[in-house]
Amino acid sequence: MTYTLDDDPSRLDLDAIWDFLSTEAYWHRWRTREQVVAQVTGAWRVVGVYDDSTGAQVGFARALSDGICDAYLADVYVLPEHRGHGLGTALVARMVEDGPGADLRWWLFTADAHGLYRRFGFVAPDQSALVRPGRQTAM
């Protein structure tokens, strides 16, 4: 299988994003479809993962940012049947290391996948986050 990562918001499949976030994600399931659409369309940056053989969207991440200092990584997922191909790693790399967010201080909240995020420098927050850039996460 081959995949493409793309940060073009017009390519996103909002139905696919809603399907995953409303049924499979453990976080924020209380959001309505309208709220999810507003969050996705209002995001500072989005990245989708697409199956080259079908064109279907199989992964997603969005970010909020001031574009100067801080960014928040949210709604990161890869569909279960497409996991194990390095897509989660590629998705996070595209979002936090490639493009306009490479020099920002990134934040996220997660209950799992700590190993994935640690590879990108995310650590549990401490007082140093107040004075120096870096990756932080609430675990």
C-alpha atoms as a PDB file:
ATOM      1  CA  MET A   1       0.000   0.000   0.000  1.00  0.00           C
ATOM      2  CA  THR A   2       1.120   3.523  -0.691  1.00  0.00           C
ATOM      3  CA  TYR A   3      -0.147   6.690   0.907  1.00  0.00           C
ATOM      4  CA  THR A   4      -0.025  10.432   0.393  1.00  0.00           C
ATOM      5  CA  LEU A   5       0.056  13.102   3.087  1.00  0.00           C
ATOM      6  CA  ASP A   6      -1.468  16.410   2.059  1.00  0.00           C
ATOM      7  CA  ASP A   7      -2.065  19.670   3.911  1.00  0.00           C
ATOM      8  CA  ASP A   8      -4.621  20.963   1.399  1.00  0.00           C
ATOM      9  CA  PRO A   9      -7.802  21.657   3.426  1.00  0.00           C
ATOM     10  CA  SER A  10      -9.982  21.381   0.312  1.00  0.00           C
ATOM     11  CA  ARG A  11      -9.047  17.708  -0.003  1.00  0.00           C
ATOM     12  CA  LEU A  12     -10.318  16.724   3.461  1.00  0.00           C
ATOM     13  CA  ASP A  13     -13.209  14.298   3.713  1.00  0.00           C
ATOM     14  CA  LEU A  14     -15.310  15.805   6.501  1.00  0.00           C
ATOM     15  CA  ASP A  15     -17.570  12.727   6.533  1.00  0.00           C
ATOM     16  CA  ALA A  16     -14.572  10.458   7.165  1.00  0.00           C
ATOM     17  CA  ILE A  17     -13.261  12.741   9.902  1.00  0.00           C
ATOM     18  CA  TRP A  18     -16.682  12.871  11.566  1.00  0.00           C
ATOM     19  CA  ASP A  19     -17.118   9.090  11.289  1.00  0.00           C
ATOM     20  CA  PHE A  20     -13.883   8.430  13.153  1.00  0.00           C
ATOM     21  CA  LEU A  21     -14.128  11.176  15.750  1.00  0.00           C
ATOM     22  CA  SER A  22     -17.750  10.387  16.615  1.00  0.00           C
ATOM     23  CA  THR A  23     -17.401   6.610  16.883  1.00  0.00           C
ATOM     24  CA  GLU A  24     -13.796   5.506  17.404  1.00  0.00           C
ATOM     25  CA  ALA A  25     -11.890   8.327  19.103  1.00  0.00           C
ATOM     26  CA  TYR A  26     -11.863   8.238  22.908  1.00  0.00           C
ATOM     27  CA  TRP A  27     -11.582  12.012  23.143  1.00  0.00           C
ATOM     28  CA  HIS A  28     -14.311  14.663  22.856  1.00  0.00           C
ATOM     29  CA  ARG A  29     -17.057  12.359  21.595  1.00  0.00           C
ATOM     30  CA  TRP A  30     -19.604  14.830  22.938  1.00  0.00           C
ATOM     31  CA  ARG A  31     -18.890  17.225  20.040  1.00  0.00           C
ATOM     32  CA  THR A  32     -21.580  17.620  17.440  1.00  0.00           C
ATOM     33  CA  ARG A  33     -20.841  17.239  13.750  1.00  0.00           C
ATOM     34  CA  GLU A  34     -21.245  20.991  13.343  1.00  0.00           C
ATOM     35  CA  GLN A  35     -18.652  21.601  16.058  1.00  0.00           C
ATOM     36  CA  VAL A  36     -16.175  19.180  14.479  1.00  0.00           C
ATOM     37  CA  VAL A  37     -16.652  20.822  11.090  1.00  0.00           C
ATOM     38  CA  ALA A  38     -16.096  24.251  12.664  1.00  0.00           C
ATOM     39  CA  GLN A  39     -12.913  23.027  14.361  1.00  0.00           C
ATOM     40  CA  VAL A  40     -11.563  21.475  11.164  1.00  0.00           C
ATOM     41  CA  THR A  41     -12.432  24.404   8.909  1.00  0.00           C
ATOM     42  CA  GLY A  42     -11.129  26.907  11.456  1.00  0.00           C
ATOM     43  CA  ALA A  43      -7.860  25.060  12.100  1.00  0.00           C
ATOM     44  CA  TRP A  44      -4.550  26.817  11.615  1.00  0.00           C
ATOM     45  CA  ARG A  45      -3.257  23.763   9.731  1.00  0.00           C
ATOM     46  CA  VAL A  46      -4.610  20.362   8.762  1.00  0.00           C
ATOM     47  CA  VAL A  47      -2.960  17.269   7.328  1.00  0.00           C
ATOM     48  CA  GLY A  48      -4.798  14.345   5.796  1.00  0.00           C
ATOM     49  CA  VAL A  49      -3.480  10.885   4.937  1.00  0.00           C
ATOM     50  CA  TYR A  50      -4.879   9.273   1.783  1.00  0.00           C
ATOM     51  CA  ASP A  51      -4.764   5.719   0.454  1.00  0.00           C
ATOM     52  CA  ASP A  52      -3.298   6.040  -3.043  1.00  0.00           C
ATOM     53  CA  SER A  53      -5.177   3.014  -4.353  1.00  0.00           C
ATOM     54  CA  THR A  54      -8.643   4.297  -3.419  1.00  0.00           C
ATOM     55  CA  GLY A  55      -8.151   7.995  -2.700  1.00  0.00           C
ATOM     56  CA  ALA A  56      -9.914   7.505   0.647  1.00  0.00           C
ATOM     57  CA  GLN A  57      -8.817   9.557   3.625  1.00  0.00           C
ATOM     58  CA  VAL A  58      -7.386   7.207   6.262  1.00  0.00           C
ATOM     59  CA  GLY A  59      -5.773   9.624   8.719  1.00  0.00           C
ATOM     60  CA  PHE A  60      -5.933  13.175   9.968  1.00  0.00           C
ATOM     61  CA  ALA A  61      -4.443  15.782  12.279  1.00  0.00           C
ATOM     62  CA  ARG A  62      -5.301  19.404  12.935  1.00  0.00           C
ATOM     63  CA  ALA A  63      -3.492  22.217  14.693  1.00  0.00           C
ATOM     64  CA  LEU A  64      -4.382  25.517  16.291  1.00  0.00           C
ATOM     65  CA  SER A  65      -1.721  28.189  16.517  1.00  0.00           C
ATOM     66  CA  ASP A  66      -0.927  31.856  16.838  1.00  0.00           C
ATOM     67  CA  GLY A  67       1.647  31.233  14.088  1.00  0.00           C
ATOM     68  CA  ILE A  68       4.347  32.869  16.205  1.00  0.00           C
ATOM     69  CA  CYS A  69       5.073  30.946  19.405  1.00  0.00           C
ATOM     70  CA  ASP A  70       2.620  28.184  20.244  1.00  0.00           C
ATOM     71  CA  ALA A  71       0.723  25.404  18.508  1.00  0.00           C
ATOM     72  CA  TYR A  72      -1.687  22.771  19.754  1.00  0.00           C
ATOM     73  CA  LEU A  73      -1.880  19.369  18.072  1.00  0.00           C
ATOM     74  CA  ALA A  74      -5.341  17.790  18.052  1.00  0.00           C
ATOM     75  CA  ASP A  75      -7.490  15.005  16.611  1.00  0.00           C
ATOM     76  CA  VAL A  76      -4.576  12.889  15.387  1.00  0.00           C
ATOM     77  CA  TYR A  77      -5.681   9.503  14.072  1.00  0.00           C
ATOM     78  CA  VAL A  78      -5.034   6.761  11.535  1.00  0.00           C
ATOM     79  CA  LEU A  79      -7.805   4.275  10.801  1.00  0.00           C
ATOM     80  CA  PRO A  80      -7.108   0.932  12.512  1.00  0.00           C
ATOM     81  CA  GLU A  81      -6.875  -1.016   9.253  1.00  0.00           C
ATOM     82  CA  HIS A  82      -4.103   1.314   8.014  1.00  0.00           C
ATOM     83  CA  ARG A  83      -1.972   1.319  11.155  1.00  0.00           C
ATOM     84  CA  GLY A  84       1.430  -0.353  11.168  1.00  0.00           C
ATOM     85  CA  HIS A  85       2.698   1.442   8.052  1.00  0.00           C
ATOM     86  CA  GLY A  86       4.365   4.373   9.840  1.00  0.00           C
ATOM     87  CA  LEU A  87       1.499   6.726   9.025  1.00  0.00           C
ATOM     88  CA  GLY A  88       1.125   8.078  12.558  1.00  0.00           C
ATOM     89  CA  THR A  89       4.810   8.958  12.617  1.00  0.00           C
ATOM     90  CA  ALA A  90       4.624  10.528   9.160  1.00  0.00           C
ATOM     91  CA  LEU A  91       1.500  12.483  10.101  1.00  0.00           C
ATOM     92  CA  VAL A  92       3.000  13.958  13.266  1.00  0.00           C
ATOM     93  CA  ALA A  93       6.294  14.690  11.470  1.00  0.00           C
ATOM     94  CA  ARG A  94       4.468  16.520   8.686  1.00  0.00           C
ATOM     95  CA  MET A  95       2.547  18.594  11.198  1.00  0.00           C
ATOM     96  CA  VAL A  96       5.203  19.528  13.770  1.00  0.00           C
ATOM     97  CA  GLU A  97       8.517  19.306  11.901  1.00  0.00           C
ATOM     98  CA  ASP A  98       7.668  20.178   8.312  1.00  0.00           C
ATOM     99  CA  GLY A  99       6.138  23.425   7.216  1.00  0.00           C
ATOM    100  CA  PRO A 100       5.164  26.537   9.120  1.00  0.00           C
ATOM    101  CA  GLY A 101       5.138  24.972  12.602  1.00  0.00           C
ATOM    102  CA  ALA A 102       8.695  23.696  12.708  1.00  0.00           C
ATOM    103  CA  ASP A 103       9.930  26.383  15.108  1.00  0.00           C
ATOM    104  CA  LEU A 104       6.864  26.619  17.333  1.00  0.00           C
ATOM    105  CA  ARG A 105       6.343  25.284  20.858  1.00  0.00           C
ATOM    106  CA  TRP A 106       3.856  22.435  20.463  1.00  0.00           C
ATOM    107  CA  TRP A 107       1.301  21.185  23.011  1.00  0.00           C
ATOM    108  CA  LEU A 108      -1.077  18.265  23.075  1.00  0.00           C
ATOM    109  CA  PHE A 109      -3.235  16.291  25.469  1.00  0.00           C
ATOM    110  CA  THR A 110      -3.194  12.528  25.094  1.00  0.00           C
ATOM    111  CA  ALA A 111      -3.964   9.404  27.058  1.00  0.00           C
ATOM    112  CA  ASP A 112      -2.044   7.097  24.721  1.00  0.00           C
ATOM    113  CA  ALA A 113       0.623   6.948  21.998  1.00  0.00           C
ATOM    114  CA  HIS A 114       3.197   8.523  24.310  1.00  0.00           C
ATOM    115  CA  GLY A 115       5.992   6.659  22.505  1.00  0.00           C
ATOM    116  CA  LEU A 116       5.001   8.219  19.194  1.00  0.00           C
ATOM    117  CA  TYR A 117       4.934  11.746  20.581  1.00  0.00           C
ATOM    118  CA  ARG A 118       8.154  11.285  22.571  1.00  0.00           C
ATOM    119  CA  ARG A 119       9.980  10.704  19.260  1.00  0.00           C
ATOM    120  CA  PHE A 120       9.142  14.291  18.370  1.00  0.00           C
ATOM    121  CA  GLY A 121      10.346  15.763  21.646  1.00  0.00           C
ATOM    122  CA  PHE A 122       7.019  15.911  23.476  1.00  0.00           C
ATOM    123  CA  VAL A 123       7.460  15.569  27.238  1.00  0.00           C
ATOM    124  CA  ALA A 124       5.279  16.009  30.285  1.00  0.00           C
ATOM    125  CA  PRO A 125       4.946  19.734  31.051  1.00  0.00           C
ATOM    126  CA  ASP A 126       7.040  21.360  33.733  1.00  0.00           C
ATOM    127  CA  GLN A 127       8.091  24.896  34.662  1.00  0.00           C
ATOM    128  CA  SER A 128      10.689  25.016  31.865  1.00  0.00           C
ATOM    129  CA  ALA A 129       7.818  25.280  29.383  1.00  0.00           C
ATOM    130  CA  LEU A 130       7.301  28.812  30.636  1.00  0.00           C
ATOM    131  CA  VAL A 131      10.732  29.998  29.576  1.00  0.00           C
ATOM    132  CA  ARG A 132      11.926  27.925  26.643  1.00  0.00           C
ATOM    133  CA  PRO A 133      10.412  26.504  23.465  1.00  0.00           C
ATOM    134  CA  GLY A 134       9.955  22.788  23.133  1.00  0.00           C
ATOM    135  CA  ARG A 135       7.410  20.080  22.818  1.00  0.00           C
ATOM    136  CA  GLN A 136       5.074  19.621  25.769  1.00  0.00           C
ATOM    137  CA  THR A 137       2.235  17.270  26.483  1.00  0.00           C
ATOM    138  CA  ALA A 138      -0.151  16.597  29.312  1.00  0.00           C
ATOM    139  CA  MET A 139      -0.051  12.877  30.063  1.00  0.00           C
END
